[in-house]
Amino acid sequence: MNYILFDTAARKQLKPLTFTRPIAELRCGILRISEKWNLRLNTICSWKTQEYLQQKFPLVTADDSIFINATVLPTDELVEAIRNLPKEIALMKNGEVIAARGKDYETLTSTAEFQGDVQQILHPWHIFMYNGEQINVDFELLTAGRTSQTLSDTNTVLGVENIFVEEGAEVECAVLNARNGKMYIGKDAHIMEGAVIRAPFALCEHATVKMAAKIYEDCTVGTYCKVGGELQNSVLTGYSNKGHDGYLGNSVLGEWCNLGADTNNSNLKNDYSEVKVWNYATQRFMKTGLQFCGLIMGDHSKSAINTAFNTGTVVGVSSNVYGAGFPRNFVPSFSRGGAEGMQEYVLKQACDTAARVFARRGKEFDETERDIFTHIFEETQQFRRF
C-alpha cells in the first residue's frame, strides 16, 4: 500500500516551524510524526505538502493510496482502522478527514466516522504540551523486544527499568531519574559528567548533554543537538544548539538554531495571565489557553550572548537576535537586531551563513535549500516593515 501524509490548513497555524518542512516532519516525543507512522505501518510514507517544499519532500502517487492527515498522532486503534479502510472511503473525526483511501482524498464523498480519540498537533505549543506523553509512547514503540545497553556504575540511576540506552551512547557520572517516565538515550549520544536529568526525556542520535546541565521533565533533544544550562518541557528538533548556561522552558526550536551563552526565555508572565503568541494564519496575536509558554523559533535562527526572550516570543526563519533588552514578541523571518531596532537580513548573506553551518555537519546547502530560502524570504517580506 502507498501511504501519503498530507498537510492541512493547520500548516499556517504551525508556522514558523512549517515554513521549512511538512507538518509530518515535526518532532514530538522521540520521533518525528512521519517516523511514528513509518514504524507502525512498516513502510515509508511520502508527503503531500506545499509546492516549494515538494522537491525536498517528494510525493509518491498511486491509483490506490491511503492519505493520512499529518497533524494526527498515531495510536494502535487508529492504525488498525486505517489498515482496514475500504477503497473510496474517507475516515472522519468531527467533520475533518483523518485518513482516506483512493486516488485523491479531496474528491471522496463516502465517509466513515472514527469512534476513537484523536490527538493532533495543530499549534506550535502542542509540541511541548504533548511531548512527555509522546516520549513514553515512542519509547515503547522503539524498544519493544529489545535489550538496553548497560549504564556504567559511575552514574546515579533511579528507575533503571525505564531507561533505554542505544549502542554507542556514552553516559558517565550523571544523575538520571526515570521513576516518573521513560528515558531514551539514542545511538552515539553523549551525556557528560555532572548532568542531572529527569524523565520523561529523549536524547536522540548523536545528540549531547553538556557538563552540569539541569534537565527537567518532558524534554527532547533532537538529532545532533547540544544542550547545556537549564531545560524544561522543550523540544529541539535537530541540529540545534543551546550549549551554554541559560534557561529554556516550554519552548520549541527548529533545526540549525543556535542560542548564545546566557540566552534565557520567560515562560510565565509576571501577572500569571494567559500567554498570547503571534499567529501567521490570522496575522495577529492569539490566545493559547496556557499560563506557561516560552519561545517558538524557526529554522536557522540564532541569538547572541545574554539575549532575553519575553514570554510567548515567536522568531521566524533565519533571523539573528542580539542587543540589550527584550526584542519584540514577534521577530519576522530574515531579520536581524533586537529591542533597539530591526533590519532585513539580506538573502544572500543568510544563504551563505546556512551553507557554512551545513558544511560543519558534512552537509551541502544546495539549490533546493536555496530555493526554499528564497520562497520563504519572498513570502515573509510583508512582515519586515522596519
Protein backbone atom coordinates (compact mmCIF):
# COMPACT_ATOMS: atom_id res chain seq x y z
CA MET A 1 0.00 0.00 0.00
CA ASN A 2 1.15 3.53 -0.82
CA TYR A 3 0.85 5.84 2.21
CA ILE A 4 0.90 9.64 1.96
CA LEU A 5 0.98 12.14 4.85
CA PHE A 6 -0.85 15.27 3.74
CA ASP A 7 -0.63 18.81 5.07
CA THR A 8 -3.82 20.55 6.17
CA ALA A 9 -4.77 24.18 6.74
CA ALA A 10 -3.13 23.80 10.17
CA ARG A 11 0.18 24.31 8.38
CA LYS A 12 -0.38 28.08 8.62
CA GLN A 13 -1.06 27.81 12.36
CA LEU A 14 2.17 25.83 12.80
CA LYS A 15 4.47 28.41 11.21
CA PRO A 16 7.31 29.30 11.55
CA LEU A 17 8.15 25.61 12.10
CA THR A 18 6.36 24.58 8.89
CA PHE A 19 7.96 27.21 6.67
CA THR A 20 10.79 24.75 6.08
CA ARG A 21 9.11 21.33 6.43
CA PRO A 22 5.83 19.47 6.02
CA ILE A 23 3.75 19.01 9.15
CA ALA A 24 4.79 15.35 9.25
CA GLU A 25 8.44 16.35 9.87
CA LEU A 26 7.69 17.99 13.21
CA ARG A 27 9.19 16.16 16.19
CA CYS A 28 7.06 15.42 19.24
CA GLY A 29 8.29 12.83 21.69
CA ILE A 30 11.33 10.89 20.47
CA LEU A 31 10.24 10.69 16.83
CA ARG A 32 9.03 12.93 14.04
CA ILE A 33 5.37 12.40 13.10
CA SER A 34 6.41 10.68 9.85
CA GLU A 35 8.70 8.30 11.76
CA LYS A 36 5.86 7.32 14.08
CA TRP A 37 3.68 6.35 11.11
CA ASN A 38 6.51 4.63 9.25
CA LEU A 39 7.25 2.37 12.21
CA ARG A 40 3.65 1.49 12.92
CA LEU A 41 2.77 0.86 9.26
CA ASN A 42 6.12 -0.78 8.42
CA THR A 43 6.51 1.45 5.37
CA ILE A 44 7.99 4.73 4.16
CA CYS A 45 5.33 7.41 3.82
CA SER A 46 5.71 10.22 1.31
CA TRP A 47 4.50 13.79 1.73
CA LYS A 48 1.80 15.93 0.12
CA THR A 49 2.88 19.44 1.01
CA GLN A 50 3.47 22.90 -0.46
CA GLU A 51 4.91 23.01 -3.97
CA TYR A 52 8.11 24.80 -2.92
CA LEU A 53 8.84 22.02 -0.38
CA GLN A 54 7.86 19.12 -2.61
CA GLN A 55 11.27 18.66 -4.25
CA LYS A 56 12.94 18.12 -0.88
CA PHE A 57 9.99 16.08 0.42
CA PRO A 58 8.77 14.17 -2.66
CA LEU A 59 5.26 12.82 -3.23
CA VAL A 60 4.79 9.23 -4.41
CA THR A 61 1.43 8.71 -6.13
CA ALA A 62 -0.60 5.60 -6.94
CA ASP A 63 -4.15 4.89 -8.07
CA ASP A 64 -4.81 3.23 -4.72
CA SER A 65 -3.22 5.20 -1.89
CA ILE A 66 -4.03 5.83 1.74
CA PHE A 67 -3.78 9.50 2.67
CA ILE A 68 -3.22 10.33 6.36
CA ASN A 69 -3.76 13.72 7.97
CA ALA A 70 -0.23 14.73 9.04
CA THR A 71 -1.40 16.57 12.17
CA VAL A 72 -2.64 13.31 13.69
CA LEU A 73 -0.52 11.33 16.15
CA PRO A 74 -0.94 7.57 15.60
CA THR A 75 -2.49 5.12 18.06
CA ASP A 76 -2.99 1.36 17.80
CA GLU A 77 -6.72 1.83 17.30
CA LEU A 78 -6.29 4.40 14.56
CA VAL A 79 -3.61 2.40 12.74
CA GLU A 80 -5.92 -0.63 12.71
CA ALA A 81 -8.78 1.46 11.29
CA ILE A 82 -6.52 2.88 8.58
CA ARG A 83 -5.14 -0.52 7.60
CA ASN A 84 -8.70 -1.79 7.14
CA LEU A 85 -10.03 1.29 5.36
CA PRO A 86 -12.10 0.30 2.28
CA LYS A 87 -11.44 1.87 -1.11
CA GLU A 88 -13.00 5.25 -1.86
CA ILE A 89 -13.80 5.92 1.81
CA ALA A 90 -12.72 8.90 3.93
CA LEU A 91 -12.28 8.32 7.65
CA MET A 92 -13.65 11.32 9.55
CA LYS A 93 -13.48 12.79 13.03
CA ASN A 94 -15.56 15.83 13.99
CA GLY A 95 -16.02 16.83 10.35
CA GLU A 96 -12.32 16.54 9.43
CA VAL A 97 -10.64 13.97 7.21
CA ILE A 98 -8.31 11.84 9.32
CA ALA A 99 -7.47 9.36 6.56
CA ALA A 100 -8.78 8.39 3.14
CA ARG A 101 -8.22 5.66 0.58
CA GLY A 102 -8.30 6.34 -3.14
CA LYS A 103 -6.51 8.26 -5.85
CA ASP A 104 -7.27 11.67 -4.33
CA TYR A 105 -8.66 12.12 -0.83
CA GLU A 106 -10.21 15.50 -1.66
CA THR A 107 -12.73 14.03 -4.13
CA LEU A 108 -14.16 11.28 -1.93
CA THR A 109 -17.81 11.61 -0.90
CA SER A 110 -18.34 8.37 1.04
CA THR A 111 -17.28 8.63 4.68
CA ALA A 112 -16.98 6.65 7.90
CA GLU A 113 -16.67 8.12 11.40
CA PHE A 114 -13.70 7.12 13.55
CA GLN A 115 -15.00 6.33 17.03
CA GLY A 116 -11.73 6.55 18.94
CA ASP A 117 -9.82 9.52 20.34
CA VAL A 118 -7.62 11.60 18.04
CA GLN A 119 -4.72 13.77 19.20
CA GLN A 120 -3.44 16.38 16.74
CA ILE A 121 -0.56 18.86 16.51
CA LEU A 122 -2.45 22.00 15.47
CA HIS A 123 -0.36 24.78 17.07
CA PRO A 124 3.37 25.01 17.88
CA TRP A 125 2.74 24.81 21.62
CA HIS A 126 1.02 21.44 21.20
CA ILE A 127 4.51 20.04 20.54
CA PHE A 128 5.75 20.72 24.07
CA MET A 129 2.31 20.12 25.62
CA TYR A 130 2.18 16.53 24.34
CA ASN A 131 5.91 15.86 24.43
CA GLY A 132 6.18 13.94 27.69
CA GLU A 133 3.29 11.66 26.81
CA GLN A 134 4.71 11.06 23.33
CA ILE A 135 8.16 10.23 24.72
CA ASN A 136 6.56 7.42 26.70
CA VAL A 137 4.57 6.21 23.67
CA ASP A 138 7.57 6.32 21.31
CA PHE A 139 9.76 4.61 23.92
CA GLU A 140 7.51 1.54 23.88
CA LEU A 141 7.43 1.56 20.09
CA LEU A 142 11.22 1.76 19.73
CA THR A 143 12.30 -0.61 22.49
CA ALA A 144 9.75 -3.46 22.38
CA GLY A 145 11.56 -6.79 22.41
CA ARG A 146 14.99 -5.18 22.60
CA THR A 147 17.64 -5.02 25.33
CA SER A 148 19.22 -1.78 26.51
CA GLN A 149 22.96 -1.22 26.76
CA THR A 150 24.17 -1.21 30.36
CA LEU A 151 24.82 2.07 32.16
CA SER A 152 28.17 2.31 33.92
CA ASP A 153 28.48 2.34 37.71
CA THR A 154 29.74 5.94 37.66
CA ASN A 155 26.12 7.10 37.22
CA THR A 156 23.45 7.60 39.88
CA VAL A 157 20.33 5.97 38.44
CA LEU A 158 16.72 5.82 39.67
CA GLY A 159 14.16 3.76 37.78
CA VAL A 160 16.69 1.94 35.61
CA GLU A 161 13.91 -0.26 34.20
CA ASN A 162 12.53 2.85 32.45
CA ILE A 163 15.81 3.75 30.73
CA PHE A 164 16.92 2.51 27.32
CA VAL A 165 20.44 3.17 26.06
CA GLU A 166 21.25 2.61 22.39
CA GLU A 167 24.54 1.29 21.06
CA GLY A 168 27.45 3.73 21.12
CA ALA A 169 25.92 6.07 23.70
CA GLU A 170 28.29 7.42 26.36
CA VAL A 171 26.97 8.28 29.83
CA GLU A 172 29.31 8.86 32.76
CA CYS A 173 28.93 10.49 36.20
CA ALA A 174 25.36 11.67 35.51
CA VAL A 175 22.26 11.63 37.72
CA LEU A 176 19.33 10.01 35.90
CA ASN A 177 15.86 9.89 37.49
CA ALA A 178 13.39 7.81 35.48
CA ARG A 179 10.94 6.95 38.24
CA ASN A 180 8.14 9.00 36.67
CA GLY A 181 8.60 8.36 32.97
CA LYS A 182 10.69 6.87 30.21
CA MET A 183 14.22 7.96 29.35
CA TYR A 184 15.64 7.24 25.89
CA ILE A 185 19.34 7.73 25.09
CA GLY A 186 19.94 7.41 21.37
CA LYS A 187 22.72 5.87 19.31
CA ASP A 188 26.11 7.58 19.76
CA ALA A 189 24.56 10.17 22.09
CA HIS A 190 26.66 11.64 24.90
CA ILE A 191 25.72 12.73 28.43
CA MET A 192 28.68 14.45 30.07
CA GLU A 193 29.69 14.45 33.71
CA GLY A 194 27.52 16.17 36.28
CA ALA A 195 24.35 16.33 34.18
CA VAL A 196 21.12 15.91 36.16
CA ILE A 197 18.13 14.66 34.14
CA ARG A 198 14.53 13.77 34.98
CA ALA A 199 12.23 11.69 32.79
CA PRO A 200 10.32 11.74 30.54
CA PHE A 201 13.38 12.60 28.47
CA ALA A 202 14.69 11.80 24.99
CA LEU A 203 18.23 12.31 23.74
CA CYS A 204 18.27 11.44 20.06
CA GLU A 205 21.05 10.05 17.89
CA HIS A 206 24.42 11.86 18.10
CA ALA A 207 22.99 14.47 20.50
CA THR A 208 24.93 15.80 23.50
CA VAL A 209 24.07 16.93 27.03
CA LYS A 210 26.94 19.06 28.30
CA MET A 211 28.52 19.09 31.76
CA ALA A 212 26.37 20.05 34.76
CA ALA A 213 23.23 20.56 32.65
CA LYS A 214 19.92 20.57 34.56
CA ILE A 215 17.14 18.99 32.53
CA TYR A 216 13.63 18.72 33.91
CA GLU A 217 10.71 16.60 32.68
CA ASP A 218 9.28 16.39 29.14
CA CYS A 219 12.34 17.43 27.14
CA THR A 220 13.52 16.15 23.76
CA VAL A 221 17.00 16.88 22.42
CA GLY A 222 16.85 16.07 18.70
CA THR A 223 19.50 14.51 16.47
CA TYR A 224 22.93 16.18 16.61
CA CYS A 225 21.71 18.84 19.08
CA LYS A 226 23.78 20.08 22.02
CA VAL A 227 22.26 21.36 25.25
CA GLY A 228 23.61 22.84 28.46
CA GLY A 229 22.29 25.01 31.27
CA GLU A 230 18.66 24.58 32.33
CA LEU A 231 15.97 22.99 30.15
CA GLN A 232 12.33 22.22 30.89
CA ASN A 233 9.43 20.90 28.77
CA SER A 234 11.13 21.86 25.50
CA VAL A 235 11.83 20.27 22.12
CA LEU A 236 14.88 20.86 19.93
CA THR A 237 14.02 19.39 16.53
CA GLY A 238 17.55 18.65 15.30
CA TYR A 239 21.00 20.14 14.59
CA SER A 240 20.33 22.99 17.03
CA ASN A 241 22.45 24.13 19.95
CA LYS A 242 21.70 25.53 23.38
CA GLY A 243 25.17 24.73 24.55
CA HIS A 244 25.64 27.14 27.46
CA ASP A 245 24.08 28.29 30.70
CA GLY A 246 20.69 29.94 30.48
CA TYR A 247 17.06 28.81 30.75
CA LEU A 248 14.82 27.39 28.03
CA GLY A 249 11.32 26.35 29.06
CA ASN A 250 8.04 25.43 27.35
CA SER A 251 9.68 26.05 24.01
CA VAL A 252 10.26 24.58 20.55
CA LEU A 253 13.35 25.17 18.40
CA GLY A 254 13.52 24.14 14.74
CA GLU A 255 16.69 22.92 13.07
CA TRP A 256 20.04 24.71 12.73
CA CYS A 257 19.27 27.17 15.54
CA ASN A 258 21.89 28.43 17.98
CA LEU A 259 21.28 30.14 21.32
CA GLY A 260 24.27 32.18 22.51
CA ALA A 261 25.69 31.91 26.02
CA ASP A 262 23.30 33.03 28.78
CA THR A 263 20.30 33.24 26.44
CA ASN A 264 17.16 33.00 28.58
CA ASN A 265 13.46 32.88 27.87
CA SER A 266 10.49 33.72 30.03
CA ASN A 267 7.69 31.15 30.02
CA LEU A 268 5.44 32.84 32.60
CA LYS A 269 4.08 36.38 32.65
CA ASN A 270 4.57 38.43 35.81
CA ASP A 271 0.81 38.72 36.30
CA TYR A 272 0.29 34.97 35.65
CA SER A 273 -2.19 35.74 32.88
CA GLU A 274 -2.79 33.73 29.69
CA VAL A 275 0.01 33.87 27.13
CA LYS A 276 -0.66 35.16 23.62
CA VAL A 277 1.58 34.33 20.65
CA TRP A 278 1.85 35.52 17.05
CA ASN A 279 -0.32 33.54 14.65
CA TYR A 280 0.62 33.50 10.96
CA ALA A 281 -2.86 32.46 9.81
CA THR A 282 -4.61 35.49 11.34
CA GLN A 283 -1.52 37.76 11.34
CA ARG A 284 -2.21 38.83 14.88
CA PHE A 285 -1.52 37.63 18.41
CA MET A 286 -3.84 34.87 19.62
CA LYS A 287 -4.63 33.35 23.00
CA THR A 288 -3.00 29.99 23.72
CA GLY A 289 -5.04 29.00 26.75
CA LEU A 290 -1.71 28.47 28.51
CA GLN A 291 -0.11 30.06 31.54
CA PHE A 292 3.30 28.67 30.53
CA CYS A 293 4.57 29.27 27.01
CA GLY A 294 8.10 30.25 26.05
CA LEU A 295 9.98 30.55 22.75
CA ILE A 296 8.97 29.25 19.31
CA MET A 297 11.92 29.57 16.92
CA GLY A 298 12.04 28.70 13.22
CA ASP A 299 14.97 27.02 11.46
CA HIS A 300 18.37 28.72 11.09
CA SER A 301 17.64 31.46 13.64
CA LYS A 302 20.14 32.50 16.29
CA SER A 303 20.55 34.60 19.41
CA ALA A 304 23.63 36.40 20.69
CA ILE A 305 25.05 36.12 24.21
CA ASN A 306 22.82 37.44 27.02
CA THR A 307 19.70 37.53 24.84
CA ALA A 308 16.43 37.67 26.80
CA PHE A 309 13.23 36.43 25.11
CA ASN A 310 9.91 37.51 26.60
CA THR A 311 7.01 35.15 27.28
CA GLY A 312 5.47 33.68 24.13
CA THR A 313 8.04 35.03 21.66
CA VAL A 314 7.90 33.76 18.06
CA VAL A 315 11.06 34.04 15.95
CA GLY A 316 10.84 33.28 12.23
CA VAL A 317 13.30 31.56 9.89
CA SER A 318 16.93 32.72 9.58
CA SER A 319 16.81 35.64 12.00
CA ASN A 320 19.60 36.97 14.22
CA VAL A 321 18.55 38.41 17.56
CA TYR A 322 21.00 40.46 19.64
CA GLY A 323 21.35 43.54 21.86
CA ALA A 324 20.16 44.62 25.29
CA GLY A 325 16.56 44.43 26.43
CA PHE A 326 13.68 42.25 25.28
CA PRO A 327 13.19 42.01 21.50
CA ARG A 328 9.68 42.11 20.07
CA ASN A 329 7.40 39.14 20.81
CA PHE A 330 7.29 38.54 17.06
CA VAL A 331 10.57 38.57 15.15
CA PRO A 332 9.97 38.21 11.39
CA SER A 333 11.95 35.81 9.23
CA PHE A 334 15.18 37.13 7.69
CA SER A 335 15.58 39.97 10.16
CA ARG A 336 18.39 41.00 12.49
CA GLY A 337 18.59 43.19 15.54
CA GLY A 338 16.78 43.45 18.84
CA ALA A 339 14.96 45.80 21.19
CA GLU A 340 16.65 48.86 19.73
CA GLY A 341 15.50 48.09 16.20
CA MET A 342 15.49 45.51 13.41
CA GLN A 343 16.68 45.43 9.82
CA GLU A 344 16.37 42.97 6.98
CA TYR A 345 18.83 40.10 6.82
CA VAL A 346 19.93 40.05 3.19
CA LEU A 347 19.00 36.77 1.48
CA LYS A 348 22.50 36.11 0.08
CA GLN A 349 24.08 36.60 3.50
CA ALA A 350 21.52 34.27 5.07
CA CYS A 351 22.21 31.59 2.45
CA ASP A 352 25.98 31.98 2.85
CA THR A 353 25.68 31.53 6.62
CA ALA A 354 23.44 28.49 6.22
CA ALA A 355 25.94 26.97 3.77
CA ARG A 356 28.76 27.33 6.31
CA VAL A 357 26.61 25.82 9.06
CA PHE A 358 25.67 22.87 6.83
CA ALA A 359 29.31 22.29 5.91
CA ARG A 360 30.22 21.90 9.59
CA ARG A 361 27.96 18.84 9.65
CA GLY A 362 29.16 17.48 6.32
CA LYS A 363 26.01 18.59 4.50
CA GLU A 364 25.52 20.69 1.38
CA PHE A 365 23.27 23.73 1.26
CA ASP A 366 22.25 23.01 -2.33
CA GLU A 367 19.94 24.69 -4.84
CA THR A 368 16.90 23.01 -3.34
CA GLU A 369 17.68 24.57 0.05
CA ARG A 370 18.37 27.95 -1.60
CA ASP A 371 15.05 27.79 -3.43
CA ILE A 372 13.24 27.13 -0.14
CA PHE A 373 15.03 30.08 1.46
CA THR A 374 14.13 32.30 -1.48
CA HIS A 375 10.45 31.33 -1.28
CA ILE A 376 10.27 32.00 2.47
CA PHE A 377 12.15 35.30 2.07
CA GLU A 378 9.62 36.50 -0.51
CA GLU A 379 6.58 35.16 1.35
CA THR A 380 7.56 36.90 4.60
CA GLN A 381 8.55 40.23 3.05
CA GLN A 382 5.27 41.76 4.25
CA PHE A 383 6.31 41.36 7.89
CA ARG A 384 9.65 43.19 7.55
CA ARG A 385 8.40 46.77 7.70
CA PHE A 386 11.25 48.24 9.69
